[in-house]
ModelCIF file with pLDDT and N, C-alpha, C, O atoms, coordinates in Angstrom:
data_MODEL
#
_entry.id   MODEL 
#
_entity.id                         1 
_entity.type                       polymer 
_entity.pdbx_number_of_molecules   1 
#
_entity_poly.entity_id                      1 
_entity_poly.type                           'polypeptide(L)' 
_entity_poly.nstd_linkage                   no 
_entity_poly.nstd_monomer                   no 
_entity_poly.pdbx_seq_one_letter_code       
;(UNK)(UNK)(UNK)(UNK)(UNK)(UNK)(UNK)(UNK)(UNK)(UNK)(UNK)(UNK)(UNK)(UNK)(UNK)(UNK)
(UNK)(UNK)(UNK)(UNK)(UNK)(UNK)(UNK)(UNK)(UNK)(UNK)(UNK)(UNK)(UNK)(UNK)(UNK)(UNK)
;
_entity_poly.pdbx_seq_one_letter_code_can   XXXXXXXXXXXXXXXXXXXXXXXXXXXXXXXX 
_entity_poly.pdbx_strand_id                 A 
#
loop_
_entity_poly_seq.entity_id 
_entity_poly_seq.num 
_entity_poly_seq.mon_id 
_entity_poly_seq.hetero 
1 1  UNK n 
1 2  UNK n 
1 3  UNK n 
1 4  UNK n 
1 5  UNK n 
1 6  UNK n 
1 7  UNK n 
1 8  UNK n 
1 9  UNK n 
1 10 UNK n 
1 11 UNK n 
1 12 UNK n 
1 13 UNK n 
1 14 UNK n 
1 15 UNK n 
1 16 UNK n 
1 17 UNK n 
1 18 UNK n 
1 19 UNK n 
1 20 UNK n 
1 21 UNK n 
1 22 UNK n 
1 23 UNK n 
1 24 UNK n 
1 25 UNK n 
1 26 UNK n 
1 27 UNK n 
1 28 UNK n 
1 29 UNK n 
1 30 UNK n 
1 31 UNK n 
1 32 UNK n 
#
_struct_asym.id          A 
_struct_asym.entity_id   1 
#
loop_
_ma_qa_metric.id 
_ma_qa_metric.mode 
_ma_qa_metric.name 
_ma_qa_metric.software_group_id 
_ma_qa_metric.type 
1 global pLDDT . pLDDT 
2 local  pLDDT . pLDDT 
#
_ma_qa_metric_global.metric_id      1 
_ma_qa_metric_global.metric_value   97.81 
_ma_qa_metric_global.model_id       1 
_ma_qa_metric_global.ordinal_id     1 
#
loop_
_ma_qa_metric_local.label_asym_id 
_ma_qa_metric_local.label_comp_id 
_ma_qa_metric_local.label_seq_id 
_ma_qa_metric_local.metric_id 
_ma_qa_metric_local.metric_value 
_ma_qa_metric_local.model_id 
_ma_qa_metric_local.ordinal_id 
A UNK 1  2 98.00 1 1  
A UNK 2  2 98.00 1 2  
A UNK 3  2 98.00 1 3  
A UNK 4  2 98.00 1 4  
A UNK 5  2 98.00 1 5  
A UNK 6  2 98.00 1 6  
A UNK 7  2 97.00 1 7  
A UNK 8  2 94.00 1 8  
A UNK 9  2 97.00 1 9  
A UNK 10 2 98.00 1 10 
A UNK 11 2 98.00 1 11 
A UNK 12 2 98.00 1 12 
A UNK 13 2 98.00 1 13 
A UNK 14 2 98.00 1 14 
A UNK 15 2 98.00 1 15 
A UNK 16 2 98.00 1 16 
A UNK 17 2 98.00 1 17 
A UNK 18 2 98.00 1 18 
A UNK 19 2 98.00 1 19 
A UNK 20 2 98.00 1 20 
A UNK 21 2 98.00 1 21 
A UNK 22 2 98.00 1 22 
A UNK 23 2 98.00 1 23 
A UNK 24 2 98.00 1 24 
A UNK 25 2 98.00 1 25 
A UNK 26 2 98.00 1 26 
A UNK 27 2 98.00 1 27 
A UNK 28 2 98.00 1 28 
A UNK 29 2 98.00 1 29 
A UNK 30 2 98.00 1 30 
A UNK 31 2 98.00 1 31 
A UNK 32 2 98.00 1 32 
#
loop_
_atom_site.group_PDB 
_atom_site.id 
_atom_site.type_symbol 
_atom_site.label_atom_id 
_atom_site.label_alt_id 
_atom_site.label_comp_id 
_atom_site.label_asym_id 
_atom_site.label_entity_id 
_atom_site.label_seq_id 
_atom_site.pdbx_PDB_ins_code 
_atom_site.Cartn_x 
_atom_site.Cartn_y 
_atom_site.Cartn_z 
_atom_site.occupancy 
_atom_site.B_iso_or_equiv 
_atom_site.pdbx_formal_charge 
_atom_site.auth_seq_id 
_atom_site.auth_comp_id 
_atom_site.auth_asym_id 
_atom_site.auth_atom_id 
_atom_site.pdbx_PDB_model_num 
ATOM 1   N N  . UNK A 1 1  ? 98.324  134.244 92.797 1.00 98.00 ? 1  UNK A N  1 
ATOM 2   C CA . UNK A 1 1  ? 98.230  133.005 93.580 1.00 98.00 ? 1  UNK A CA 1 
ATOM 3   C C  . UNK A 1 1  ? 97.591  131.903 92.739 1.00 98.00 ? 1  UNK A C  1 
ATOM 4   O O  . UNK A 1 1  ? 98.087  130.777 92.686 1.00 98.00 ? 1  UNK A O  1 
ATOM 5   N N  . UNK A 1 2  ? 96.482  132.247 92.083 1.00 98.00 ? 2  UNK A N  1 
ATOM 6   C CA . UNK A 1 2  ? 95.758  131.255 91.280 1.00 98.00 ? 2  UNK A CA 1 
ATOM 7   C C  . UNK A 1 2  ? 96.611  130.758 90.124 1.00 98.00 ? 2  UNK A C  1 
ATOM 8   O O  . UNK A 1 2  ? 96.692  129.555 89.878 1.00 98.00 ? 2  UNK A O  1 
ATOM 9   N N  . UNK A 1 3  ? 97.250  131.687 89.414 1.00 98.00 ? 3  UNK A N  1 
ATOM 10  C CA . UNK A 1 3  ? 98.077  131.302 88.272 1.00 98.00 ? 3  UNK A CA 1 
ATOM 11  C C  . UNK A 1 3  ? 99.237  130.404 88.695 1.00 98.00 ? 3  UNK A C  1 
ATOM 12  O O  . UNK A 1 3  ? 99.705  129.583 87.906 1.00 98.00 ? 3  UNK A O  1 
ATOM 13  N N  . UNK A 1 4  ? 99.695  130.553 89.916 1.00 98.00 ? 4  UNK A N  1 
ATOM 14  C CA . UNK A 1 4  ? 100.833 129.771 90.398 1.00 98.00 ? 4  UNK A CA 1 
ATOM 15  C C  . UNK A 1 4  ? 100.485 128.399 90.941 1.00 98.00 ? 4  UNK A C  1 
ATOM 16  O O  . UNK A 1 4  ? 101.377 127.612 91.258 1.00 98.00 ? 4  UNK A O  1 
ATOM 17  N N  . UNK A 1 5  ? 99.190  128.102 91.054 1.00 98.00 ? 5  UNK A N  1 
ATOM 18  C CA . UNK A 1 5  ? 98.803  126.770 91.549 1.00 98.00 ? 5  UNK A CA 1 
ATOM 19  C C  . UNK A 1 5  ? 99.233  125.716 90.538 1.00 98.00 ? 5  UNK A C  1 
ATOM 20  O O  . UNK A 1 5  ? 99.091  125.909 89.330 1.00 98.00 ? 5  UNK A O  1 
ATOM 21  N N  . UNK A 1 6  ? 99.751  124.618 91.030 1.00 98.00 ? 6  UNK A N  1 
ATOM 22  C CA . UNK A 1 6  ? 100.256 123.571 90.136 1.00 98.00 ? 6  UNK A CA 1 
ATOM 23  C C  . UNK A 1 6  ? 99.500  122.270 90.344 1.00 98.00 ? 6  UNK A C  1 
ATOM 24  O O  . UNK A 1 6  ? 98.985  121.991 91.426 1.00 98.00 ? 6  UNK A O  1 
ATOM 25  N N  . UNK A 1 7  ? 99.447  121.477 89.272 1.00 97.00 ? 7  UNK A N  1 
ATOM 26  C CA . UNK A 1 7  ? 98.823  120.161 89.353 1.00 97.00 ? 7  UNK A CA 1 
ATOM 27  C C  . UNK A 1 7  ? 99.871  119.142 89.797 1.00 97.00 ? 7  UNK A C  1 
ATOM 28  O O  . UNK A 1 7  ? 101.036 119.504 89.964 1.00 97.00 ? 7  UNK A O  1 
ATOM 29  N N  . UNK A 1 8  ? 99.491  117.877 89.993 1.00 94.00 ? 8  UNK A N  1 
ATOM 30  C CA . UNK A 1 8  ? 100.473 116.879 90.447 1.00 94.00 ? 8  UNK A CA 1 
ATOM 31  C C  . UNK A 1 8  ? 101.665 116.687 89.515 1.00 94.00 ? 8  UNK A C  1 
ATOM 32  O O  . UNK A 1 8  ? 102.695 116.154 89.930 1.00 94.00 ? 8  UNK A O  1 
ATOM 33  N N  . UNK A 1 9  ? 101.536 117.120 88.251 1.00 97.00 ? 9  UNK A N  1 
ATOM 34  C CA . UNK A 1 9  ? 102.658 117.034 87.311 1.00 97.00 ? 9  UNK A CA 1 
ATOM 35  C C  . UNK A 1 9  ? 103.488 118.315 87.272 1.00 97.00 ? 9  UNK A C  1 
ATOM 36  O O  . UNK A 1 9  ? 104.424 118.428 86.481 1.00 97.00 ? 9  UNK A O  1 
ATOM 37  N N  . UNK A 1 10 ? 103.147 119.272 88.121 1.00 98.00 ? 10 UNK A N  1 
ATOM 38  C CA . UNK A 1 10 ? 103.913 120.510 88.182 1.00 98.00 ? 10 UNK A CA 1 
ATOM 39  C C  . UNK A 1 10 ? 103.495 121.571 87.185 1.00 98.00 ? 10 UNK A C  1 
ATOM 40  O O  . UNK A 1 10 ? 104.150 122.609 87.090 1.00 98.00 ? 10 UNK A O  1 
ATOM 41  N N  . UNK A 1 11 ? 102.416 121.341 86.434 1.00 98.00 ? 11 UNK A N  1 
ATOM 42  C CA . UNK A 1 11 ? 101.947 122.329 85.454 1.00 98.00 ? 11 UNK A CA 1 
ATOM 43  C C  . UNK A 1 11 ? 101.147 123.419 86.173 1.00 98.00 ? 11 UNK A C  1 
ATOM 44  O O  . UNK A 1 11 ? 100.327 123.128 87.044 1.00 98.00 ? 11 UNK A O  1 
ATOM 45  N N  . UNK A 1 12 ? 101.394 124.672 85.797 1.00 98.00 ? 12 UNK A N  1 
ATOM 46  C CA . UNK A 1 12 ? 100.773 125.807 86.474 1.00 98.00 ? 12 UNK A CA 1 
ATOM 47  C C  . UNK A 1 12 ? 99.430  126.176 85.849 1.00 98.00 ? 12 UNK A C  1 
ATOM 48  O O  . UNK A 1 12 ? 99.231  126.039 84.642 1.00 98.00 ? 12 UNK A O  1 
ATOM 49  N N  . UNK A 1 13 ? 98.515  126.649 86.696 1.00 98.00 ? 13 UNK A N  1 
ATOM 50  C CA . UNK A 1 13 ? 97.181  127.028 86.235 1.00 98.00 ? 13 UNK A CA 1 
ATOM 51  C C  . UNK A 1 13 ? 97.252  128.063 85.113 1.00 98.00 ? 13 UNK A C  1 
ATOM 52  O O  . UNK A 1 13 ? 96.603  127.918 84.077 1.00 98.00 ? 13 UNK A O  1 
ATOM 53  N N  . UNK A 1 14 ? 98.050  129.108 85.336 1.00 98.00 ? 14 UNK A N  1 
ATOM 54  C CA . UNK A 1 14 ? 98.135  130.167 84.334 1.00 98.00 ? 14 UNK A CA 1 
ATOM 55  C C  . UNK A 1 14 ? 98.628  129.667 82.990 1.00 98.00 ? 14 UNK A C  1 
ATOM 56  O O  . UNK A 1 14 ? 98.126  130.077 81.943 1.00 98.00 ? 14 UNK A O  1 
ATOM 57  N N  . UNK A 1 15 ? 99.608  128.786 83.021 1.00 98.00 ? 15 UNK A N  1 
ATOM 58  C CA . UNK A 1 15 ? 100.156 128.244 81.770 1.00 98.00 ? 15 UNK A CA 1 
ATOM 59  C C  . UNK A 1 15 ? 99.140  127.364 81.050 1.00 98.00 ? 15 UNK A C  1 
ATOM 60  O O  . UNK A 1 15 ? 99.000  127.435 79.829 1.00 98.00 ? 15 UNK A O  1 
ATOM 61  N N  . UNK A 1 16 ? 98.438  126.541 81.810 1.00 98.00 ? 16 UNK A N  1 
ATOM 62  C CA . UNK A 1 16 ? 97.463  125.634 81.206 1.00 98.00 ? 16 UNK A CA 1 
ATOM 63  C C  . UNK A 1 16 ? 96.249  126.387 80.662 1.00 98.00 ? 16 UNK A C  1 
ATOM 64  O O  . UNK A 1 16 ? 95.662  125.983 79.658 1.00 98.00 ? 16 UNK A O  1 
ATOM 65  N N  . UNK A 1 17 ? 95.876  127.480 81.325 1.00 98.00 ? 17 UNK A N  1 
ATOM 66  C CA . UNK A 1 17 ? 94.770  128.300 80.844 1.00 98.00 ? 17 UNK A CA 1 
ATOM 67  C C  . UNK A 1 17 ? 95.098  128.881 79.465 1.00 98.00 ? 17 UNK A C  1 
ATOM 68  O O  . UNK A 1 17 ? 94.253  128.905 78.570 1.00 98.00 ? 17 UNK A O  1 
ATOM 69  N N  . UNK A 1 18 ? 96.329  129.344 79.314 1.00 98.00 ? 18 UNK A N  1 
ATOM 70  C CA . UNK A 1 18 ? 96.762  129.845 77.996 1.00 98.00 ? 18 UNK A CA 1 
ATOM 71  C C  . UNK A 1 18 ? 96.815  128.715 76.976 1.00 98.00 ? 18 UNK A C  1 
ATOM 72  O O  . UNK A 1 18 ? 96.397  128.879 75.830 1.00 98.00 ? 18 UNK A O  1 
ATOM 73  N N  . UNK A 1 19 ? 97.335  127.561 77.407 1.00 98.00 ? 19 UNK A N  1 
ATOM 74  C CA . UNK A 1 19 ? 97.529  126.445 76.478 1.00 98.00 ? 19 UNK A CA 1 
ATOM 75  C C  . UNK A 1 19 ? 96.222  126.017 75.831 1.00 98.00 ? 19 UNK A C  1 
ATOM 76  O O  . UNK A 1 19 ? 96.193  125.737 74.633 1.00 98.00 ? 19 UNK A O  1 
ATOM 77  N N  . UNK A 1 20 ? 95.137  125.962 76.603 1.00 98.00 ? 20 UNK A N  1 
ATOM 78  C CA . UNK A 1 20 ? 93.870  125.493 76.019 1.00 98.00 ? 20 UNK A CA 1 
ATOM 79  C C  . UNK A 1 20 ? 93.107  126.614 75.321 1.00 98.00 ? 20 UNK A C  1 
ATOM 80  O O  . UNK A 1 20 ? 92.057  126.370 74.726 1.00 98.00 ? 20 UNK A O  1 
ATOM 81  N N  . UNK A 1 21 ? 93.627  127.846 75.387 1.00 98.00 ? 21 UNK A N  1 
ATOM 82  C CA . UNK A 1 21 ? 93.030  128.934 74.622 1.00 98.00 ? 21 UNK A CA 1 
ATOM 83  C C  . UNK A 1 21 ? 91.847  129.616 75.282 1.00 98.00 ? 21 UNK A C  1 
ATOM 84  O O  . UNK A 1 21 ? 91.022  130.221 74.599 1.00 98.00 ? 21 UNK A O  1 
ATOM 85  N N  . UNK A 1 22 ? 91.753  129.526 76.618 1.00 98.00 ? 22 UNK A N  1 
ATOM 86  C CA . UNK A 1 22 ? 90.610  130.125 77.299 1.00 98.00 ? 22 UNK A CA 1 
ATOM 87  C C  . UNK A 1 22 ? 91.013  131.188 78.315 1.00 98.00 ? 22 UNK A C  1 
ATOM 88  O O  . UNK A 1 22 ? 90.320  131.396 79.311 1.00 98.00 ? 22 UNK A O  1 
ATOM 89  N N  . UNK A 1 23 ? 92.133  131.860 78.061 1.00 98.00 ? 23 UNK A N  1 
ATOM 90  C CA . UNK A 1 23 ? 92.517  133.012 78.866 1.00 98.00 ? 23 UNK A CA 1 
ATOM 91  C C  . UNK A 1 23 ? 91.741  134.221 78.365 1.00 98.00 ? 23 UNK A C  1 
ATOM 92  O O  . UNK A 1 23 ? 91.963  134.684 77.246 1.00 98.00 ? 23 UNK A O  1 
ATOM 93  N N  . UNK A 1 24 ? 90.839  134.729 79.183 1.00 98.00 ? 24 UNK A N  1 
ATOM 94  C CA . UNK A 1 24 ? 90.042  135.885 78.786 1.00 98.00 ? 24 UNK A CA 1 
ATOM 95  C C  . UNK A 1 24 ? 90.731  137.191 79.126 1.00 98.00 ? 24 UNK A C  1 
ATOM 96  O O  . UNK A 1 24 ? 91.812  137.214 79.714 1.00 98.00 ? 24 UNK A O  1 
ATOM 97  N N  . UNK A 1 25 ? 90.075  138.286 78.740 1.00 98.00 ? 25 UNK A N  1 
ATOM 98  C CA . UNK A 1 25 ? 90.681  139.599 78.977 1.00 98.00 ? 25 UNK A CA 1 
ATOM 99  C C  . UNK A 1 25 ? 89.979  140.410 80.059 1.00 98.00 ? 25 UNK A C  1 
ATOM 100 O O  . UNK A 1 25 ? 90.451  141.488 80.420 1.00 98.00 ? 25 UNK A O  1 
ATOM 101 N N  . UNK A 1 26 ? 88.857  139.910 80.584 1.00 98.00 ? 26 UNK A N  1 
ATOM 102 C CA . UNK A 1 26 ? 88.149  140.651 81.632 1.00 98.00 ? 26 UNK A CA 1 
ATOM 103 C C  . UNK A 1 26 ? 88.901  140.555 82.963 1.00 98.00 ? 26 UNK A C  1 
ATOM 104 O O  . UNK A 1 26 ? 89.414  139.495 83.324 1.00 98.00 ? 26 UNK A O  1 
ATOM 105 N N  . UNK A 1 27 ? 88.958  141.674 83.682 1.00 98.00 ? 27 UNK A N  1 
ATOM 106 C CA . UNK A 1 27 ? 89.503  141.637 85.039 1.00 98.00 ? 27 UNK A CA 1 
ATOM 107 C C  . UNK A 1 27 ? 88.585  140.785 85.917 1.00 98.00 ? 27 UNK A C  1 
ATOM 108 O O  . UNK A 1 27 ? 87.361  140.900 85.848 1.00 98.00 ? 27 UNK A O  1 
ATOM 109 N N  . UNK A 1 28 ? 89.184  139.942 86.729 1.00 98.00 ? 28 UNK A N  1 
ATOM 110 C CA . UNK A 1 28 ? 88.391  139.032 87.555 1.00 98.00 ? 28 UNK A CA 1 
ATOM 111 C C  . UNK A 1 28 ? 87.741  139.814 88.700 1.00 98.00 ? 28 UNK A C  1 
ATOM 112 O O  . UNK A 1 28 ? 88.415  140.516 89.454 1.00 98.00 ? 28 UNK A O  1 
ATOM 113 N N  . UNK A 1 29 ? 86.419  139.675 88.811 1.00 98.00 ? 29 UNK A N  1 
ATOM 114 C CA . UNK A 1 29 ? 85.685  140.350 89.882 1.00 98.00 ? 29 UNK A CA 1 
ATOM 115 C C  . UNK A 1 29 ? 85.196  141.732 89.511 1.00 98.00 ? 29 UNK A C  1 
ATOM 116 O O  . UNK A 1 29 ? 84.558  142.397 90.328 1.00 98.00 ? 29 UNK A O  1 
ATOM 117 N N  . UNK A 1 30 ? 85.479  142.185 88.296 1.00 98.00 ? 30 UNK A N  1 
ATOM 118 C CA . UNK A 1 30 ? 85.030  143.516 87.875 1.00 98.00 ? 30 UNK A CA 1 
ATOM 119 C C  . UNK A 1 30 ? 83.513  143.560 87.688 1.00 98.00 ? 30 UNK A C  1 
ATOM 120 O O  . UNK A 1 30 ? 82.895  144.615 87.833 1.00 98.00 ? 30 UNK A O  1 
ATOM 121 N N  . UNK A 1 31 ? 82.927  142.428 87.370 1.00 98.00 ? 31 UNK A N  1 
ATOM 122 C CA . UNK A 1 31 ? 81.480  142.369 87.163 1.00 98.00 ? 31 UNK A CA 1 
ATOM 123 C C  . UNK A 1 31 ? 80.737  142.559 88.488 1.00 98.00 ? 31 UNK A C  1 
ATOM 124 O O  . UNK A 1 31 ? 81.190  142.096 89.535 1.00 98.00 ? 31 UNK A O  1 
ATOM 125 N N  . UNK A 1 32 ? 79.601  143.239 88.430 1.00 98.00 ? 32 UNK A N  1 
ATOM 126 C CA . UNK A 1 32 ? 78.751  143.430 89.597 1.00 98.00 ? 32 UNK A CA 1 
ATOM 127 C C  . UNK A 1 32 ? 77.487  142.585 89.451 1.00 98.00 ? 32 UNK A C  1 
ATOM 128 O O  . UNK A 1 32 ? 76.629  142.599 90.333 1.00 98.00 ? 32 UNK A O  1 
#
């Protein structure tokens, strides 16, 4: 759901996260 969110120009969150180089490898919410 989060990756599919788009900005007013139609760019997707997941794509933009990769583009700026800040896609991490930790599973989200795995931390306690």
